[in-house]
Protein backbone atom coordinates (compact mmCIF):
# COMPACT_ATOMS: atom_id res chain seq x y z
CA MET A 1 -15.04 -15.39 30.06
CA THR A 2 -12.58 -18.20 30.93
CA LEU A 3 -11.91 -20.61 28.10
CA HIS A 4 -12.57 -24.29 28.68
CA TRP A 5 -9.52 -26.53 28.41
CA ILE A 6 -10.93 -28.08 25.22
CA ASP A 7 -11.12 -24.65 23.59
CA GLN A 8 -7.60 -23.84 24.79
CA ILE A 9 -6.25 -27.03 23.19
CA ILE A 10 -7.98 -26.27 19.87
CA ILE A 11 -6.50 -22.77 19.77
CA MET A 12 -3.04 -23.95 20.82
CA VAL A 13 -2.93 -26.67 18.16
CA TYR A 14 -3.96 -24.18 15.51
CA VAL A 15 -1.35 -21.56 16.49
CA LEU A 16 1.48 -24.10 16.73
CA ALA A 17 0.53 -25.57 13.34
CA MET A 18 0.73 -22.14 11.67
CA ALA A 19 4.09 -21.41 13.26
CA GLY A 20 5.40 -24.85 12.26
CA ILE A 21 4.48 -24.32 8.61
CA GLY A 22 6.35 -21.03 8.55
CA PHE A 23 9.53 -22.51 9.96
CA TYR A 24 9.29 -25.47 7.56
CA PHE A 25 10.04 -23.12 4.66
CA VAL A 26 13.00 -21.35 6.26
CA LEU A 27 15.59 -23.53 4.48
CA ARG A 28 13.91 -23.09 1.07
CA ASN A 29 14.31 -19.32 0.97
CA LYS A 30 17.72 -19.01 -0.65
CA SER A 31 16.92 -16.10 -2.99
CA THR A 32 14.73 -13.01 -3.19
CA ASP A 33 12.75 -14.68 -5.97
CA GLU A 34 11.89 -17.54 -3.62
CA TYR A 35 11.24 -15.23 -0.66
CA PHE A 36 9.06 -12.65 -2.46
CA ALA A 37 7.69 -14.64 -5.44
CA GLY A 38 7.47 -18.15 -3.99
CA GLY A 39 9.76 -19.55 -6.70
CA ARG A 40 7.01 -18.87 -9.29
CA SER A 41 5.90 -22.49 -8.97
CA HIS A 42 2.52 -22.67 -7.19
CA GLY A 43 -0.77 -24.06 -8.44
CA GLY A 44 -3.98 -22.10 -8.83
CA ILE A 45 -6.04 -23.88 -6.15
CA LEU A 46 -3.48 -23.25 -3.42
CA LEU A 47 -3.03 -19.62 -4.48
CA GLY A 48 -6.80 -19.10 -4.67
CA LEU A 49 -7.26 -20.35 -1.13
CA SER A 50 -4.43 -18.11 0.05
CA LEU A 51 -6.08 -15.09 -1.61
CA VAL A 52 -9.29 -15.82 0.27
CA GLY A 53 -7.40 -15.96 3.54
CA ALA A 54 -5.50 -12.77 2.79
CA HIS A 55 -8.61 -10.75 1.95
CA ILE A 56 -10.94 -11.88 4.73
CA SER A 57 -9.56 -10.19 7.82
CA SER A 58 -10.82 -9.66 11.34
CA ILE A 59 -12.48 -6.54 9.93
CA THR A 60 -14.67 -8.82 7.78
CA PHE A 61 -15.25 -11.24 10.65
CA ILE A 62 -16.64 -8.46 12.86
CA ALA A 63 -17.84 -5.67 10.55
CA HIS A 64 -20.01 -7.70 8.17
CA PRO A 65 -22.23 -9.31 10.84
CA ALA A 66 -22.45 -5.96 12.65
CA ASP A 67 -23.54 -4.15 9.50
CA ALA A 68 -26.27 -6.67 8.66
CA TYR A 69 -27.40 -6.78 12.30
CA LYS A 70 -27.90 -3.02 12.52
CA THR A 71 -28.75 -2.15 8.91
CA ALA A 72 -29.29 -4.27 5.78
CA TYR A 73 -27.34 -5.33 2.69
CA LEU A 74 -26.43 -2.04 0.99
CA ARG A 75 -22.72 -2.48 1.71
CA PHE A 76 -22.76 -6.00 0.29
CA LEU A 77 -23.38 -4.60 -3.20
CA PRO A 78 -19.69 -3.90 -4.00
CA ALA A 79 -18.99 -7.63 -3.67
CA LEU A 80 -21.26 -8.34 -6.64
CA ILE A 81 -19.03 -6.37 -9.02
CA LEU A 82 -15.98 -8.52 -8.20
CA PRO A 83 -16.42 -11.04 -11.07
CA LEU A 84 -16.23 -8.26 -13.68
CA THR A 85 -13.01 -7.01 -12.12
CA ILE A 86 -11.53 -10.50 -12.09
CA LEU A 87 -12.38 -10.93 -15.77
CA ILE A 88 -10.45 -7.74 -16.62
CA ALA A 89 -7.52 -8.63 -14.36
CA GLY A 90 -7.27 -12.16 -15.75
CA MET A 91 -7.44 -11.13 -19.39
CA PHE A 92 -4.96 -8.26 -19.33
CA PHE A 93 -3.08 -7.57 -16.10
CA VAL A 94 -2.13 -11.12 -15.08
CA PRO A 95 -0.39 -11.93 -18.41
CA LEU A 96 1.35 -8.55 -18.40
CA TYR A 97 2.86 -8.96 -14.93
CA ARG A 98 3.96 -12.50 -15.68
CA LYS A 99 5.55 -11.71 -19.03
CA ALA A 100 7.33 -8.74 -17.49
CA ARG A 101 8.82 -11.07 -14.83
CA VAL A 102 8.16 -8.51 -12.08
CA THR A 103 8.67 -9.04 -8.38
CA SER A 104 6.83 -5.82 -7.54
CA ALA A 105 3.84 -4.34 -9.37
CA TYR A 106 5.51 -0.94 -9.28
CA GLU A 107 8.38 -2.05 -11.49
CA TYR A 108 5.91 -1.64 -14.34
CA LEU A 109 5.38 2.02 -13.48
CA GLU A 110 9.09 2.75 -13.81
CA ALA A 111 9.19 1.15 -17.23
CA ARG A 112 6.32 3.42 -18.30
CA PHE A 113 6.84 6.63 -16.35
CA GLY A 114 10.24 6.58 -14.70
CA PRO A 115 11.52 6.04 -11.15
CA GLY A 116 9.67 8.99 -9.59
CA VAL A 117 6.20 7.58 -10.28
CA ARG A 118 7.34 4.14 -9.16
CA LEU A 119 8.66 5.54 -5.88
CA TYR A 120 5.45 7.49 -5.27
CA ALA A 121 3.14 4.52 -5.82
CA ALA A 122 5.36 2.14 -3.82
CA SER A 123 5.60 4.61 -0.92
CA MET A 124 1.83 5.15 -0.80
CA PHE A 125 1.28 1.41 -0.76
CA ALA A 126 3.82 0.94 2.04
CA ILE A 127 2.25 3.68 4.18
CA TYR A 128 -1.24 2.26 3.79
CA MET A 129 -0.04 -1.28 4.54
CA LEU A 130 1.49 -0.17 7.84
CA LEU A 131 -1.78 1.50 8.85
CA ARG A 132 -3.82 -1.51 7.78
CA LEU A 133 -1.54 -3.90 9.66
CA SER A 134 -2.00 -1.94 12.88
CA ALA A 135 -5.77 -1.68 12.40
CA VAL A 136 -6.27 -5.42 11.75
CA LEU A 137 -4.13 -6.42 14.73
CA PHE A 138 -5.93 -3.90 16.95
CA LEU A 139 -9.38 -5.20 16.00
CA PHE A 140 -8.22 -8.76 16.53
CA SER A 141 -7.05 -7.96 20.05
CA VAL A 142 -10.35 -6.27 20.94
CA VAL A 143 -12.38 -9.26 19.75
CA ILE A 144 -10.19 -11.85 21.50
CA LYS A 145 -10.25 -9.81 24.70
CA THR A 146 -14.05 -9.74 24.60
CA ILE A 147 -14.35 -13.46 23.92
CA THR A 148 -11.65 -14.83 26.20
CA GLY A 149 -11.04 -12.14 28.81
CA LEU A 150 -7.33 -12.04 27.99
CA ASP A 151 -5.55 -8.69 28.29
CA ALA A 152 -5.68 -6.86 24.92
CA ASP A 153 -1.99 -5.87 25.11
CA THR A 154 -1.12 -9.54 25.56
CA CYS A 155 -3.26 -10.51 22.56
CA ILE A 156 -1.48 -7.95 20.39
CA LEU A 157 1.98 -9.11 21.45
CA ILE A 158 1.26 -12.83 21.06
CA ALA A 159 -0.47 -12.56 17.68
CA GLY A 160 2.06 -10.04 16.39
CA ILE A 161 5.11 -12.07 17.41
CA ILE A 162 3.80 -15.41 16.10
CA THR A 163 2.66 -13.98 12.76
CA ALA A 164 5.87 -12.01 12.32
CA ALA A 165 8.02 -15.03 13.16
CA TYR A 166 6.66 -17.37 10.50
CA THR A 167 6.40 -14.58 7.93
CA VAL A 168 9.99 -13.39 8.44
CA VAL A 169 11.54 -16.83 8.18
CA GLY A 170 9.09 -18.46 5.77
CA GLY A 171 8.61 -15.74 3.16
CA LEU A 172 5.84 -15.90 0.57
CA ASN A 173 5.81 -19.71 0.55
CA ALA A 174 4.87 -19.74 4.23
CA VAL A 175 2.32 -16.96 3.67
CA ILE A 176 0.64 -18.85 0.82
CA TRP A 177 0.36 -22.16 2.71
CA THR A 178 -0.73 -20.65 6.02
CA ASP A 179 -3.24 -18.35 4.31
CA ALA A 180 -4.73 -21.30 2.44
CA ILE A 181 -5.19 -23.27 5.67
CA GLN A 182 -6.47 -20.23 7.51
CA SER A 183 -9.12 -19.59 4.85
CA VAL A 184 -10.55 -23.05 5.59
CA VAL A 185 -10.41 -22.45 9.36
CA LEU A 186 -12.14 -19.07 9.23
CA LEU A 187 -14.83 -20.44 6.92
CA GLY A 188 -15.35 -23.34 9.34
CA GLY A 189 -15.68 -20.93 12.25
CA GLY A 190 -18.20 -18.80 10.37
CA LEU A 191 -20.31 -21.78 9.31
CA ALA A 192 -20.28 -23.12 12.88
CA ILE A 193 -21.72 -19.85 14.21
CA LEU A 194 -24.35 -19.69 11.45
CA LEU A 195 -25.45 -23.29 12.00
CA LEU A 196 -25.71 -22.75 15.75
CA LEU A 197 -27.84 -19.64 15.22
CA LEU A 198 -30.23 -21.49 12.89
CA ILE A 199 -30.56 -24.29 15.45
CA GLN A 200 -31.24 -21.87 18.31
CA ILE A 201 -33.87 -19.80 16.47
CA PRO A 202 -37.35 -21.39 16.68
CA GLY A 203 -38.43 -22.14 13.13
CA GLY A 204 -34.88 -22.09 11.83
CA LEU A 205 -34.09 -20.71 8.38
CA GLY A 206 -37.73 -20.16 7.45
CA GLU A 207 -38.33 -17.96 10.48
CA VAL A 208 -35.16 -15.97 9.81
CA LEU A 209 -36.20 -15.23 6.23
CA THR A 210 -39.80 -14.39 7.18
CA THR A 211 -38.88 -12.04 10.03
CA ALA A 212 -35.98 -10.40 8.21
CA TRP A 213 -38.07 -9.82 5.08
CA ALA A 214 -40.89 -8.24 7.08
CA ASP A 215 -38.42 -5.84 8.75
CA ASN A 216 -36.59 -4.95 5.48
CA LYS A 217 -33.40 -6.56 6.81
CA LEU A 218 -32.83 -8.40 3.51
CA SER A 219 -33.11 -5.27 1.38
CA VAL A 220 -30.38 -3.04 -0.02
CA GLY A 221 -31.69 -0.24 2.14
CA ASP A 222 -29.83 1.69 4.81
CA LEU A 223 -30.59 2.85 8.32
CA ASN A 224 -32.20 6.23 8.81
CA PRO A 225 -30.62 7.50 12.06
CA ALA A 226 -33.52 9.86 12.71
CA THR A 227 -36.26 7.21 12.60
CA GLY A 228 -34.28 4.04 13.31
CA ALA A 229 -35.98 2.38 10.31
CA ILE A 230 -34.46 0.64 7.29
CA GLU A 231 -35.32 2.73 4.24
CA PRO A 232 -34.83 1.78 0.59
CA THR A 233 -31.79 3.17 -1.18
CA ARG A 234 -32.28 4.84 -4.54
CA TRP A 235 -30.53 3.58 -7.64
CA PHE A 236 -29.34 7.13 -8.27
CA ASP A 237 -29.21 10.03 -5.82
CA ASP A 238 -27.42 13.33 -5.41
CA MET A 239 -23.74 13.07 -4.57
CA ALA A 240 -24.30 13.91 -0.91
CA HIS A 241 -26.08 10.59 -0.32
CA LYS A 242 -25.32 6.93 -0.89
CA SER A 243 -27.01 5.16 -3.78
CA VAL A 244 -26.90 1.74 -5.45
CA PHE A 245 -24.91 3.28 -8.30
CA LEU A 246 -22.38 4.74 -5.87
CA MET A 247 -21.84 1.41 -4.10
CA LEU A 248 -21.29 -0.39 -7.40
CA LEU A 249 -19.00 2.39 -8.64
CA MET A 250 -16.99 2.30 -5.42
CA GLY A 251 -16.78 -1.49 -5.64
CA THR A 252 -15.47 -1.30 -9.20
CA THR A 253 -12.79 1.21 -8.20
CA ASN A 254 -11.74 -0.71 -5.09
CA TRP A 255 -11.61 -4.13 -6.77
CA MET A 256 -9.77 -2.80 -9.81
CA THR A 257 -7.21 -1.17 -7.52
CA ALA A 258 -6.82 -4.37 -5.50
CA TYR A 259 -6.70 -7.00 -8.25
CA CYS A 260 -5.01 -5.01 -11.01
CA THR A 261 -2.45 -2.92 -9.11
CA SER A 262 -1.97 -3.98 -5.48
CA GLN A 263 1.25 -5.76 -4.59
CA ASP A 264 -0.32 -8.34 -2.26
CA ASN A 265 -2.31 -9.71 -5.22
CA VAL A 266 0.36 -9.25 -7.87
CA GLN A 267 2.68 -11.40 -5.73
CA ARG A 268 0.21 -14.27 -6.11
CA TYR A 269 0.07 -13.81 -9.88
CA VAL A 270 3.84 -14.06 -10.28
CA ALA A 271 4.05 -16.93 -7.75
CA ALA A 272 1.90 -19.13 -10.00
CA LYS A 273 3.55 -21.67 -12.27
CA SER A 274 1.68 -20.26 -15.30
CA ALA A 275 -0.74 -17.51 -16.30
CA HIS A 276 -3.48 -20.15 -16.48
CA GLU A 277 -2.88 -21.10 -12.83
CA ALA A 278 -2.82 -17.43 -11.83
CA ARG A 279 -6.20 -16.89 -13.48
CA LYS A 280 -7.54 -20.00 -11.82
CA SER A 281 -6.48 -18.62 -8.44
CA ILE A 282 -8.39 -15.36 -8.77
CA TRP A 283 -11.51 -17.07 -10.08
CA LEU A 284 -11.41 -19.52 -7.17
CA CYS A 285 -10.94 -16.58 -4.81
CA THR A 286 -14.01 -14.90 -6.31
CA ALA A 287 -16.09 -18.09 -6.16
CA MET A 288 -15.28 -18.45 -2.46
CA SER A 289 -15.11 -14.83 -1.28
CA ILE A 290 -18.61 -13.76 -2.32
CA PRO A 291 -20.31 -16.68 -0.50
CA VAL A 292 -18.06 -16.10 2.53
CA TRP A 293 -19.02 -12.41 2.69
CA ALA A 294 -22.66 -13.37 2.23
CA THR A 295 -22.34 -15.92 5.06
CA PHE A 296 -21.02 -13.34 7.50
CA MET A 297 -23.66 -10.81 6.45
CA PHE A 298 -26.41 -13.39 6.89
CA MET A 299 -24.95 -14.23 10.29
CA GLY A 300 -25.76 -10.66 11.33
CA THR A 301 -29.33 -11.06 10.04
CA CYS A 302 -29.71 -14.26 12.06
CA MET A 303 -28.49 -12.52 15.21
CA TYR A 304 -31.08 -9.78 14.62
CA VAL A 305 -33.86 -12.40 14.49
CA PHE A 306 -32.38 -14.31 17.44
CA TYR A 307 -32.38 -11.28 19.73
CA LYS A 308 -35.83 -10.28 18.51
CA LYS A 309 -37.08 -13.70 19.64
CA PHE A 310 -35.00 -13.62 22.82
CA PRO A 311 -34.76 -9.94 23.83
CA ASP A 312 -31.53 -8.85 25.47
CA GLU A 313 -30.76 -5.41 26.87
CA GLN A 314 -27.15 -5.25 25.61
CA ALA A 315 -28.08 -6.53 22.16
CA ALA A 316 -30.82 -3.89 21.97
CA LEU A 317 -28.28 -1.16 22.75
CA MET A 318 -26.12 -2.34 19.86
CA LEU A 319 -29.14 -2.10 17.56
CA THR A 320 -30.17 1.39 18.66
CA GLY A 321 -26.70 2.92 18.94
CA GLY A 322 -26.20 2.75 22.70
CA ARG A 323 -23.27 0.39 22.04
CA LYS A 324 -21.22 -0.20 18.92
CA ALA A 325 -22.78 -2.72 16.57
CA GLU A 326 -19.33 -4.34 16.16
CA ASP A 327 -19.77 -5.75 19.68
CA ILE A 328 -22.67 -7.99 18.64
CA LEU A 329 -20.73 -11.05 17.46
CA PRO A 330 -18.30 -11.12 20.42
CA TYR A 331 -21.28 -10.63 22.76
CA TYR A 332 -23.17 -13.51 21.18
CA LEU A 333 -20.10 -15.75 21.36
CA THR A 334 -19.50 -15.09 25.05
CA SER A 335 -23.12 -15.72 26.04
CA GLN A 336 -24.50 -18.33 23.66
CA VAL A 337 -21.76 -20.53 22.18
CA PRO A 338 -20.94 -23.93 23.78
CA VAL A 339 -17.55 -25.43 24.64
CA GLY A 340 -15.55 -26.57 21.62
CA VAL A 341 -17.28 -24.23 19.21
CA VAL A 342 -15.67 -21.28 21.03
CA GLY A 343 -12.23 -22.69 20.33
CA LEU A 344 -13.07 -23.12 16.66
CA VAL A 345 -14.48 -19.60 16.44
CA VAL A 346 -11.49 -18.03 18.20
CA SER A 347 -9.25 -19.94 15.79
CA GLY A 348 -11.35 -18.56 12.94
CA VAL A 349 -10.94 -15.01 14.21
CA ALA A 350 -7.20 -15.62 14.59
CA ALA A 351 -7.07 -17.10 11.08
CA ALA A 352 -8.85 -14.08 9.62
CA ALA A 353 -6.36 -11.74 11.28
CA MET A 354 -3.13 -13.73 10.88
CA SER A 355 -3.70 -14.53 7.19
CA THR A 356 -4.19 -10.86 6.37
CA LEU A 357 -1.27 -9.78 8.56
CA SER A 358 1.18 -12.26 7.06
CA ALA A 359 0.21 -11.37 3.49
CA ASN A 360 0.50 -7.65 4.17
CA LEU A 361 3.81 -8.02 6.00
CA ASN A 362 5.38 -9.88 3.10
CA SER A 363 3.97 -7.54 0.44
CA PHE A 364 5.18 -4.50 2.43
CA SER A 365 8.65 -6.01 2.73
CA SER A 366 8.81 -6.84 -0.98
CA VAL A 367 7.90 -3.28 -1.98
CA VAL A 368 10.35 -1.65 0.44
CA THR A 369 13.16 -4.04 -0.53
CA VAL A 370 12.65 -4.10 -4.31
CA ASP A 371 11.22 -0.65 -5.08
CA ILE A 372 12.99 1.52 -2.53
CA TYR A 373 16.03 -0.16 -0.96
CA ARG A 374 17.41 -2.03 -3.99
CA ARG A 375 16.31 0.54 -6.57
CA LEU A 376 17.28 3.79 -4.85
CA LEU A 377 19.36 3.27 -1.72
CA VAL A 378 21.72 0.30 -2.03
CA ARG A 379 22.28 -0.86 -5.61
CA HIS A 380 24.34 -3.62 -7.21
CA ARG A 381 24.70 -5.85 -4.17
CA SER A 382 24.35 -9.63 -4.05
CA ASP A 383 20.96 -11.33 -4.04
CA ARG A 384 21.81 -12.73 -0.61
CA HIS A 385 22.19 -9.17 0.68
CA TYR A 386 18.71 -8.24 -0.53
CA LEU A 387 17.28 -11.45 0.94
CA ARG A 388 18.64 -10.43 4.36
CA ALA A 389 17.22 -6.95 3.81
CA GLY A 390 13.83 -8.54 3.16
CA TRP A 391 14.01 -10.36 6.50
CA ILE A 392 14.92 -7.12 8.28
CA PHE A 393 12.17 -5.06 6.64
CA THR A 394 9.59 -7.74 7.45
CA GLY A 395 10.70 -7.68 11.07
CA LEU A 396 10.67 -3.89 11.25
CA SER A 397 7.18 -3.70 9.73
CA ALA A 398 6.00 -6.23 12.32
CA LEU A 399 7.42 -4.03 15.07
CA VAL A 400 5.60 -0.98 13.66
CA MET A 401 2.44 -3.09 13.39
CA VAL A 402 2.55 -4.05 17.07
CA LEU A 403 3.36 -0.51 18.22
CA GLY A 404 0.60 0.90 16.01
CA ALA A 405 -1.96 -1.57 17.36
CA LEU A 406 -0.97 -0.72 20.93
CA ALA A 407 -1.31 2.99 20.12
CA LEU A 408 -4.82 2.44 18.71
CA LEU A 409 -5.73 0.37 21.75
CA HIS A 410 -4.81 3.14 24.16
CA ALA A 411 -5.98 6.08 22.02
CA SER A 412 -8.70 8.31 23.48
CA THR A 413 -10.85 7.89 20.37
CA LYS A 414 -11.64 4.70 18.48
CA THR A 415 -13.05 6.11 15.21
CA LEU A 416 -11.01 3.54 13.29
CA ASN A 417 -13.20 3.16 10.22
CA ASP A 418 -13.33 6.93 9.75
CA PHE A 419 -9.55 7.16 10.22
CA LEU A 420 -8.82 4.45 7.63
CA LEU A 421 -11.24 6.02 5.16
CA ILE A 422 -9.53 9.40 5.53
CA VAL A 423 -5.99 8.05 5.19
CA GLY A 424 -6.96 5.72 2.35
CA ASN A 425 -8.54 8.58 0.42
CA ILE A 426 -5.30 10.55 0.64
CA VAL A 427 -2.63 7.90 0.05
CA GLN A 428 -4.38 5.53 -2.36
CA VAL A 429 -6.54 7.76 -4.52
CA GLY A 430 -5.41 7.75 -8.14
CA ILE A 431 -3.11 4.70 -8.03
CA LEU A 432 -5.49 2.77 -10.27
CA ALA A 433 -5.56 5.68 -12.73
CA VAL A 434 -1.75 5.71 -12.92
CA PHE A 435 -1.70 2.03 -13.94
CA LEU A 436 -4.56 2.55 -16.40
CA LEU A 437 -2.74 5.49 -17.98
CA GLY A 438 0.26 3.26 -18.48
CA PHE A 439 -1.74 0.34 -19.80
CA LEU A 440 -4.42 2.04 -21.90
CA THR A 441 -2.52 4.98 -23.40
CA ARG A 442 0.79 5.57 -25.18
CA ARG A 443 0.88 9.36 -24.83
CA ALA A 444 0.71 9.68 -21.05
CA ASN A 445 4.21 10.32 -19.72
CA SER A 446 6.05 11.04 -16.49
CA TRP A 447 5.28 14.79 -16.54
CA SER A 448 1.56 14.44 -17.27
CA VAL A 449 1.16 11.68 -14.69
CA GLY A 450 3.17 13.62 -12.10
CA LEU A 451 0.95 16.69 -12.51
CA GLY A 452 -2.11 14.44 -12.34
CA ILE A 453 -0.88 13.00 -9.05
CA LEU A 454 -0.32 16.49 -7.63
CA PHE A 455 -3.81 17.72 -8.50
CA THR A 456 -5.41 14.50 -7.26
CA LEU A 457 -3.65 14.76 -3.89
CA LEU A 458 -4.93 18.32 -3.55
CA PHE A 459 -8.43 17.17 -4.52
CA SER A 460 -8.54 14.27 -2.04
CA THR A 461 -7.16 16.44 0.77
CA TRP A 462 -9.84 19.07 0.06
CA CYS A 463 -12.54 16.38 0.15
CA VAL A 464 -11.32 14.92 3.42
CA LEU A 465 -11.00 18.31 5.11
CA SER A 466 -14.50 19.18 3.89
CA GLY A 467 -15.83 15.95 5.35
CA ARG A 468 -14.28 16.86 8.70
CA GLY A 469 -15.89 20.32 8.64
CA TRP A 470 -12.54 22.11 8.37
CA ILE A 471 -13.38 23.93 5.12
CA PRO A 472 -15.74 26.96 5.09
CA GLU A 473 -19.25 26.05 3.96
CA GLY A 474 -19.03 27.90 0.66
CA TRP A 475 -15.78 26.17 -0.30
CA ALA A 476 -16.47 22.66 1.02
CA ALA A 477 -17.04 19.56 -1.12
CA LYS A 478 -20.73 18.69 -1.38
CA PHE A 479 -20.51 14.94 -1.87
CA ASP A 480 -20.15 11.78 0.21
CA LEU A 481 -16.57 10.70 0.96
CA TYR A 482 -17.31 7.40 -0.79
CA TYR A 483 -17.10 9.35 -4.06
CA VAL A 484 -13.51 10.44 -3.44
CA GLY A 485 -11.95 7.24 -4.78
CA PRO A 486 -13.81 7.07 -8.11
CA LEU A 487 -13.64 10.84 -8.69
CA GLY A 488 -9.96 11.02 -7.77
CA ASN A 489 -9.08 8.27 -10.23
CA LEU A 490 -11.18 9.89 -12.94
CA LEU A 491 -9.48 13.26 -12.32
CA LEU A 492 -5.96 11.82 -12.47
CA PHE A 493 -6.70 9.82 -15.61
CA ALA A 494 -8.17 12.86 -17.38
CA ILE A 495 -5.25 15.13 -16.44
CA GLY A 496 -2.61 12.54 -17.30
CA PHE A 497 -4.27 11.70 -20.62
CA PHE A 498 -4.85 15.21 -21.95
CA LEU A 499 -1.57 16.67 -20.71
CA GLY A 500 0.17 13.74 -22.37
CA TYR A 501 -0.75 15.27 -25.71
CA LEU A 502 0.49 18.72 -24.68
CA ILE A 503 3.76 17.74 -23.01
CA PRO A 504 6.19 16.00 -25.38
CA CYS A 505 8.12 12.91 -24.27
CA ARG A 506 11.48 11.59 -25.40
CA HIS A 507 10.11 8.37 -26.85
CA LEU A 508 6.96 6.32 -26.89
CA PRO A 509 6.86 3.22 -24.68
CA GLU A 510 7.52 -0.32 -25.81
CA PRO A 511 4.15 -1.36 -27.39
CA ARG A 512 3.89 -4.51 -25.25
CA LEU A 513 3.72 -2.32 -22.13
CA THR A 514 0.27 -1.13 -23.30
CA ILE A 515 -2.94 -2.82 -24.33
CA TRP A 516 -2.23 -1.82 -27.94
CA GLY A 517 0.74 -4.14 -28.20
CA HIS A 518 -0.38 -6.68 -25.60
CA THR A 519 -2.12 -9.80 -26.92
CA GLY A 520 -3.02 -11.34 -23.53
CA LYS A 521 -1.37 -14.62 -24.58
CA ASP A 522 1.10 -16.42 -22.36
CA GLU A 523 4.23 -16.45 -24.54
CA ASP A 524 7.10 -14.04 -25.23
CA ASP A 525 8.43 -12.75 -21.90
CA PHE A 526 9.83 -9.22 -21.95
CA PRO A 527 11.58 -8.51 -18.62
CA LEU A 528 11.07 -4.91 -17.58
CA ALA A 529 14.75 -4.56 -16.71
CA ASP A 530 15.38 -4.49 -20.46
CA GLN A 531 12.85 -1.72 -21.19
CA PRO A 532 13.86 1.99 -21.21
CA ALA A 533 11.62 4.26 -19.13
CA GLN A 534 9.46 6.73 -21.04
CA GLY A 535 10.26 10.37 -20.40
């Protein structure tokens, strides 16, 4: 497909605007606090919009419509548990991080459990961020190639260079402002597609709801590969199958990990001018994210009804498995969307990708600079030195991102979702439990947590190898890989808690580092640099 000149102008204006915002902030970044924490001066509305942009990636833009088109709404269930997670994060974790005056979330872990646990958690986060960066950029290139006909390698290079440029020079301030704008652009692109679908379908919204309801497309069921039918999902099932309980449990674990422990969110908390503004940001993010996810899911339902009314051979293959369901939105855009709307949609796809990439680049750089480089490798240098290091690490992570995306593009297999699930289960399992052990208990210590991490890594590796069929039948795990996250966190928490009573420590932690001495109020800062690590 060759883009019309109107669409080209829309896309060019958008890209130049994002780059311009990044370079606007280059002169303001005179310290690491400004570069990684945004000067701790931002309002809640701006931060909330930036959180939306950071969390809605090209994966969301493509995967949600594809899932609803081929199946139903089972995988939307985890989104519904988000408000509970935000309530917990806002009441306890946000005030703690702000009072502790952290730049990185993992500084807290050193104050509780020593530098080893901090290094482990920071390293696992950094590894996963590099993989996620490559995956998001790869998916973006595939979508843009399908829509515009541009070479995928070219898409990767252009998007990678532009995003890296304004992130390197602009720091967190540039990330926050560009993410906020990009959240509006991607929402506009999604609404434009949805409106066009409802106009094109005879009978509009009423027909979509009637047809989708009759075909169980609005249920929380899942596709039965053997029959091709949508079948209801049980509230509870054996651990080898997905259930409503499992999806809600997985959502709780994932959201708690993201909003209570993950650096890309903690950066927004500490960038706010007050704890009240930080709470406002995450509630605004929740209020926007759930409707956005629902919009993209419903877009897939509308495309199902559209192609049922107007049968298409390629669309049918995507429904039956002859082609990947993720191709449905790009296919619809290339065949059904008029001039002007294409430019807006491509900008929306770019916004979804670039906002996530910039946020992840900056959070990766902050962790590597603060938790690894400054803490372990090069200590007691000037703040200006660490600011330059932050620029370098952001640039290096962008280079790895581009190379990783190119490697995925030219790989012989494209089982990306499976790959990310496997790696995520190994490198991220148990991180939430480590933070909860620090926050909810006073007896857990570096030795008990370290042993918990070791056993959890062995557990998650066993589960993944079992899922790949590499463990003999009698020794293999008998449950769905979706259970690995919740079970791994439960295992680590149990080991760390009980061994904490058996293994003595040198001293108990400062009470304010736990829920037992933490009031949740906004006064009385206690910088973690002043707190001795528990042994």
